[in-house]
Amino acid sequence: MIQEITTKEEVETFAQQLIKEGTLFHPDDDFLDCVNYTTHETTYSEIEAKPRNQLMD
């Protein structure tokens, strides 16, 4: 996972990563609320959601 987003290319990389993870997300939502579009189960734990929320901010 990328550590910070400072360029348009990094935004694209981050979005592609989320798609590969099977995430249904909206930029305004907390990653703790994301579900996997295949399993319909929660995608991220608190530990996994925190860095993704920081990147989205």
PDB file of N, CA and C in Angstrom:
ATOM      1  N   MET A   1       0.849  -1.180   0.000  1.00  0.00           N
ATOM      2  CA  MET A   1       0.000   0.000   0.000  1.00  0.00           C
ATOM      3  C   MET A   1       0.889   1.236   0.000  1.00  0.00           C
ATOM      4  N   ILE A   2       0.449   2.257  -0.735  1.00  0.00           N
ATOM      5  CA  ILE A   2       1.203   3.497  -0.742  1.00  0.00           C
ATOM      6  C   ILE A   2       1.094   4.158   0.629  1.00  0.00           C
ATOM      7  N   GLN A   3       2.065   4.996   0.951  1.00  0.00           N
ATOM      8  CA  GLN A   3       2.128   5.608   2.278  1.00  0.00           C
ATOM      9  C   GLN A   3       1.546   7.021   2.316  1.00  0.00           C
ATOM     10  N   GLU A   4       1.580   7.713   1.174  1.00  0.00           N
ATOM     11  CA  GLU A   4       0.990   9.047   1.121  1.00  0.00           C
ATOM     12  C   GLU A   4       0.578   9.338  -0.311  1.00  0.00           C
ATOM     13  N   ILE A   5      -0.288  10.304  -0.455  1.00  0.00           N
ATOM     14  CA  ILE A   5      -0.765  10.697  -1.768  1.00  0.00           C
ATOM     15  C   ILE A   5      -0.409  12.161  -1.984  1.00  0.00           C
ATOM     16  N   THR A   6       0.430  12.389  -2.997  1.00  0.00           N
ATOM     17  CA  THR A   6       0.834  13.750  -3.308  1.00  0.00           C
ATOM     18  C   THR A   6       0.677  14.082  -4.792  1.00  0.00           C
ATOM     19  N   THR A   7       0.353  13.077  -5.604  1.00  0.00           N
ATOM     20  CA  THR A   7       0.209  13.303  -7.037  1.00  0.00           C
ATOM     21  C   THR A   7      -1.068  12.650  -7.551  1.00  0.00           C
ATOM     22  N   LYS A   8      -1.476  13.049  -8.728  1.00  0.00           N
ATOM     23  CA  LYS A   8      -2.649  12.453  -9.366  1.00  0.00           C
ATOM     24  C   LYS A   8      -2.421  10.964  -9.608  1.00  0.00           C
ATOM     25  N   GLU A   9      -1.222  10.600  -9.977  1.00  0.00           N
ATOM     26  CA  GLU A   9      -0.900   9.195 -10.231  1.00  0.00           C
ATOM     27  C   GLU A   9      -1.069   8.356  -8.966  1.00  0.00           C
ATOM     28  N   GLU A  10      -0.712   8.920  -7.819  1.00  0.00           N
ATOM     29  CA  GLU A  10      -0.876   8.198  -6.549  1.00  0.00           C
ATOM     30  C   GLU A  10      -2.348   8.047  -6.185  1.00  0.00           C
ATOM     31  N   VAL A  11      -3.169   9.013  -6.559  1.00  0.00           N
ATOM     32  CA  VAL A  11      -4.613   8.894  -6.356  1.00  0.00           C
ATOM     33  C   VAL A  11      -5.134   7.715  -7.177  1.00  0.00           C
ATOM     34  N   GLU A  12      -4.685   7.632  -8.410  1.00  0.00           N
ATOM     35  CA  GLU A  12      -5.106   6.538  -9.282  1.00  0.00           C
ATOM     36  C   GLU A  12      -4.629   5.196  -8.739  1.00  0.00           C
ATOM     37  N   THR A  13      -3.405   5.133  -8.259  1.00  0.00           N
ATOM     38  CA  THR A  13      -2.864   3.900  -7.683  1.00  0.00           C
ATOM     39  C   THR A  13      -3.692   3.465  -6.484  1.00  0.00           C
ATOM     40  N   PHE A  14      -4.036   4.413  -5.618  1.00  0.00           N
ATOM     41  CA  PHE A  14      -4.839   4.122  -4.431  1.00  0.00           C
ATOM     42  C   PHE A  14      -6.214   3.580  -4.836  1.00  0.00           C
ATOM     43  N   ALA A  15      -6.858   4.238  -5.795  1.00  0.00           N
ATOM     44  CA  ALA A  15      -8.176   3.795  -6.250  1.00  0.00           C
ATOM     45  C   ALA A  15      -8.101   2.394  -6.858  1.00  0.00           C
ATOM     46  N   GLN A  16      -7.086   2.131  -7.650  1.00  0.00           N
ATOM     47  CA  GLN A  16      -6.920   0.808  -8.252  1.00  0.00           C
ATOM     48  C   GLN A  16      -6.710  -0.254  -7.180  1.00  0.00           C
ATOM     49  N   GLN A  17      -5.965   0.100  -6.145  1.00  0.00           N
ATOM     50  CA  GLN A  17      -5.741  -0.837  -5.046  1.00  0.00           C
ATOM     51  C   GLN A  17      -7.059  -1.185  -4.364  1.00  0.00           C
ATOM     52  N   LEU A  18      -7.890  -0.187  -4.112  1.00  0.00           N
ATOM     53  CA  LEU A  18      -9.179  -0.427  -3.459  1.00  0.00           C
ATOM     54  C   LEU A  18     -10.068  -1.316  -4.317  1.00  0.00           C
ATOM     55  N   ILE A  19     -10.034  -1.106  -5.614  1.00  0.00           N
ATOM     56  CA  ILE A  19     -10.829  -1.941  -6.522  1.00  0.00           C
ATOM     57  C   ILE A  19     -10.325  -3.377  -6.475  1.00  0.00           C
ATOM     58  N   LYS A  20      -9.010  -3.568  -6.494  1.00  0.00           N
ATOM     59  CA  LYS A  20      -8.442  -4.917  -6.430  1.00  0.00           C
ATOM     60  C   LYS A  20      -8.809  -5.615  -5.121  1.00  0.00           C
ATOM     61  N   GLU A  21      -8.986  -4.837  -4.053  1.00  0.00           N
ATOM     62  CA  GLU A  21      -9.362  -5.400  -2.754  1.00  0.00           C
ATOM     63  C   GLU A  21     -10.845  -5.733  -2.701  1.00  0.00           C
ATOM     64  N   GLY A  22     -11.590  -5.389  -3.741  1.00  0.00           N
ATOM     65  CA  GLY A  22     -13.012  -5.701  -3.788  1.00  0.00           C
ATOM     66  C   GLY A  22     -13.860  -4.753  -2.967  1.00  0.00           C
ATOM     67  N   THR A  23     -13.394  -3.526  -2.799  1.00  0.00           N
ATOM     68  CA  THR A  23     -14.064  -2.582  -1.920  1.00  0.00           C
ATOM     69  C   THR A  23     -15.135  -1.769  -2.613  1.00  0.00           C
ATOM     70  N   LEU A  24     -16.320  -1.720  -2.012  1.00  0.00           N
ATOM     71  CA  LEU A  24     -17.337  -0.756  -2.391  1.00  0.00           C
ATOM     72  C   LEU A  24     -17.175   0.420  -1.431  1.00  0.00           C
ATOM     73  N   PHE A  25     -16.835   1.591  -1.960  1.00  0.00           N
ATOM     74  CA  PHE A  25     -16.589   2.716  -1.068  1.00  0.00           C
ATOM     75  C   PHE A  25     -17.040   4.014  -1.706  1.00  0.00           C
ATOM     76  N   HIS A  26     -17.238   4.995  -0.855  1.00  0.00           N
ATOM     77  CA  HIS A  26     -17.501   6.366  -1.275  1.00  0.00           C
ATOM     78  C   HIS A  26     -16.474   7.224  -0.551  1.00  0.00           C
ATOM     79  N   PRO A  27     -15.890   8.207  -1.215  1.00  0.00           N
ATOM     80  CA  PRO A  27     -14.837   9.009  -0.590  1.00  0.00           C
ATOM     81  C   PRO A  27     -15.238   9.689   0.728  1.00  0.00           C
ATOM     82  N   ASP A  28     -16.523   9.896   0.938  1.00  0.00           N
ATOM     83  CA  ASP A  28     -16.970  10.541   2.175  1.00  0.00           C
ATOM     84  C   ASP A  28     -17.173   9.563   3.321  1.00  0.00           C
ATOM     85  N   ASP A  29     -17.104   8.275   3.046  1.00  0.00           N
ATOM     86  CA  ASP A  29     -17.384   7.256   4.056  1.00  0.00           C
ATOM     87  C   ASP A  29     -16.121   6.747   4.733  1.00  0.00           C
ATOM     88  N   ASP A  30     -16.272   6.300   5.956  1.00  0.00           N
ATOM     89  CA  ASP A  30     -15.192   5.678   6.712  1.00  0.00           C
ATOM     90  C   ASP A  30     -14.947   4.277   6.147  1.00  0.00           C
ATOM     91  N   PHE A  31     -13.695   3.888   6.042  1.00  0.00           N
ATOM     92  CA  PHE A  31     -13.381   2.569   5.513  1.00  0.00           C
ATOM     93  C   PHE A  31     -13.860   1.444   6.433  1.00  0.00           C
ATOM     94  N   LEU A  32     -14.174   1.746   7.665  1.00  0.00           N
ATOM     95  CA  LEU A  32     -14.763   0.731   8.541  1.00  0.00           C
ATOM     96  C   LEU A  32     -16.159   0.332   8.072  1.00  0.00           C
ATOM     97  N   ASP A  33     -16.788   1.197   7.284  1.00  0.00           N
ATOM     98  CA  ASP A  33     -18.140   0.936   6.795  1.00  0.00           C
ATOM     99  C   ASP A  33     -18.159   0.243   5.430  1.00  0.00           C
ATOM    100  N   CYS A  34     -16.995  -0.007   4.855  1.00  0.00           N
ATOM    101  CA  CYS A  34     -16.920  -0.623   3.523  1.00  0.00           C
ATOM    102  C   CYS A  34     -17.245  -2.106   3.582  1.00  0.00           C
ATOM    103  N   VAL A  35     -17.867  -2.567   2.509  1.00  0.00           N
ATOM    104  CA  VAL A  35     -18.153  -3.992   2.374  1.00  0.00           C
ATOM    105  C   VAL A  35     -17.517  -4.506   1.086  1.00  0.00           C
ATOM    106  N   ASN A  36     -17.209  -5.777   1.075  1.00  0.00           N
ATOM    107  CA  ASN A  36     -16.663  -6.425  -0.106  1.00  0.00           C
ATOM    108  C   ASN A  36     -17.812  -6.686  -1.064  1.00  0.00           C
ATOM    109  N   TYR A  37     -17.653  -6.307  -2.338  1.00  0.00           N
ATOM    110  CA  TYR A  37     -18.768  -6.445  -3.269  1.00  0.00           C
ATOM    111  C   TYR A  37     -19.045  -7.884  -3.668  1.00  0.00           C
ATOM    112  N   THR A  38     -18.150  -8.801  -3.372  1.00  0.00           N
ATOM    113  CA  THR A  38     -18.393 -10.215  -3.661  1.00  0.00           C
ATOM    114  C   THR A  38     -19.018 -10.924  -2.476  1.00  0.00           C
ATOM    115  N   THR A  39     -18.430 -10.708  -1.282  1.00  0.00           N
ATOM    116  CA  THR A  39     -18.890 -11.423  -0.090  1.00  0.00           C
ATOM    117  C   THR A  39     -19.946 -10.664   0.706  1.00  0.00           C
ATOM    118  N   HIS A  40     -20.049  -9.359   0.491  1.00  0.00           N
ATOM    119  CA  HIS A  40     -20.959  -8.483   1.233  1.00  0.00           C
ATOM    120  C   HIS A  40     -20.622  -8.438   2.719  1.00  0.00           C
ATOM    121  N   GLU A  41     -19.378  -8.758   3.053  1.00  0.00           N
ATOM    122  CA  GLU A  41     -18.912  -8.693   4.436  1.00  0.00           C
ATOM    123  C   GLU A  41     -18.033  -7.463   4.627  1.00  0.00           C
ATOM    124  N   THR A  42     -17.857  -7.059   5.877  1.00  0.00           N
ATOM    125  CA  THR A  42     -16.983  -5.936   6.185  1.00  0.00           C
ATOM    126  C   THR A  42     -15.597  -6.199   5.607  1.00  0.00           C
ATOM    127  N   THR A  43     -15.047  -5.202   4.946  1.00  0.00           N
ATOM    128  CA  THR A  43     -13.783  -5.382   4.240  1.00  0.00           C
ATOM    129  C   THR A  43     -12.575  -5.171   5.141  1.00  0.00           C
ATOM    130  N   TYR A  44     -12.623  -4.163   6.025  1.00  0.00           N
ATOM    131  CA  TYR A  44     -11.434  -3.773   6.778  1.00  0.00           C
ATOM    132  C   TYR A  44     -11.657  -3.796   8.281  1.00  0.00           C
ATOM    133  N   SER A  45     -10.622  -4.211   8.989  1.00  0.00           N
ATOM    134  CA  SER A  45     -10.602  -4.092  10.443  1.00  0.00           C
ATOM    135  C   SER A  45     -10.236  -2.643  10.786  1.00  0.00           C
ATOM    136  N   GLU A  46     -10.282  -2.296  12.066  1.00  0.00           N
ATOM    137  CA  GLU A  46      -9.880  -0.945  12.477  1.00  0.00           C
ATOM    138  C   GLU A  46      -8.439  -0.658  12.080  1.00  0.00           C
ATOM    139  N   ILE A  47      -7.571  -1.639  12.243  1.00  0.00           N
ATOM    140  CA  ILE A  47      -6.153  -1.468  11.909  1.00  0.00           C
ATOM    141  C   ILE A  47      -5.967  -1.267  10.409  1.00  0.00           C
ATOM    142  N   GLU A  48      -6.745  -1.948   9.603  1.00  0.00           N
ATOM    143  CA  GLU A  48      -6.647  -1.816   8.151  1.00  0.00           C
ATOM    144  C   GLU A  48      -7.315  -0.541   7.645  1.00  0.00           C
ATOM    145  N   ALA A  49      -8.383  -0.122   8.303  1.00  0.00           N
ATOM    146  CA  ALA A  49      -9.129   1.055   7.859  1.00  0.00           C
ATOM    147  C   ALA A  49      -8.389   2.357   8.154  1.00  0.00           C
ATOM    148  N   LYS A  50      -7.677   2.415   9.261  1.00  0.00           N
ATOM    149  CA  LYS A  50      -7.036   3.670   9.673  1.00  0.00           C
ATOM    150  C   LYS A  50      -6.115   4.258   8.607  1.00  0.00           C
ATOM    151  N   PRO A  51      -5.152   3.507   8.049  1.00  0.00           N
ATOM    152  CA  PRO A  51      -4.285   4.128   7.043  1.00  0.00           C
ATOM    153  C   PRO A  51      -5.036   4.500   5.765  1.00  0.00           C
ATOM    154  N   ARG A  52      -6.067   3.749   5.417  1.00  0.00           N
ATOM    155  CA  ARG A  52      -6.853   4.082   4.230  1.00  0.00           C
ATOM    156  C   ARG A  52      -7.634   5.380   4.456  1.00  0.00           C
ATOM    157  N   ASN A  53      -8.186   5.546   5.662  1.00  0.00           N
ATOM    158  CA  ASN A  53      -8.872   6.799   5.987  1.00  0.00           C
ATOM    159  C   ASN A  53      -7.907   7.969   5.953  1.00  0.00           C
ATOM    160  N   GLN A  54      -6.701   7.777   6.437  1.00  0.00           N
ATOM    161  CA  GLN A  54      -5.701   8.851   6.407  1.00  0.00           C
ATOM    162  C   GLN A  54      -5.333   9.213   4.977  1.00  0.00           C
ATOM    163  N   LEU A  55      -5.187   8.216   4.117  1.00  0.00           N
ATOM    164  CA  LEU A  55      -4.888   8.497   2.717  1.00  0.00           C
ATOM    165  C   LEU A  55      -6.045   9.218   2.053  1.00  0.00           C
ATOM    166  N   MET A  56      -7.256   8.820   2.374  1.00  0.00           N
ATOM    167  CA  MET A  56      -8.420   9.467   1.744  1.00  0.00           C
ATOM    168  C   MET A  56      -8.532  10.928   2.184  1.00  0.00           C
ATOM    169  N   ASP A  57      -8.148  11.209   3.424  1.00  0.00           N
ATOM    170  CA  ASP A  57      -8.189  12.601   3.898  1.00  0.00           C
ATOM    171  C   ASP A  57      -7.230  13.458   3.095  1.00  0.00           C
TER     172      ASP A  57
END
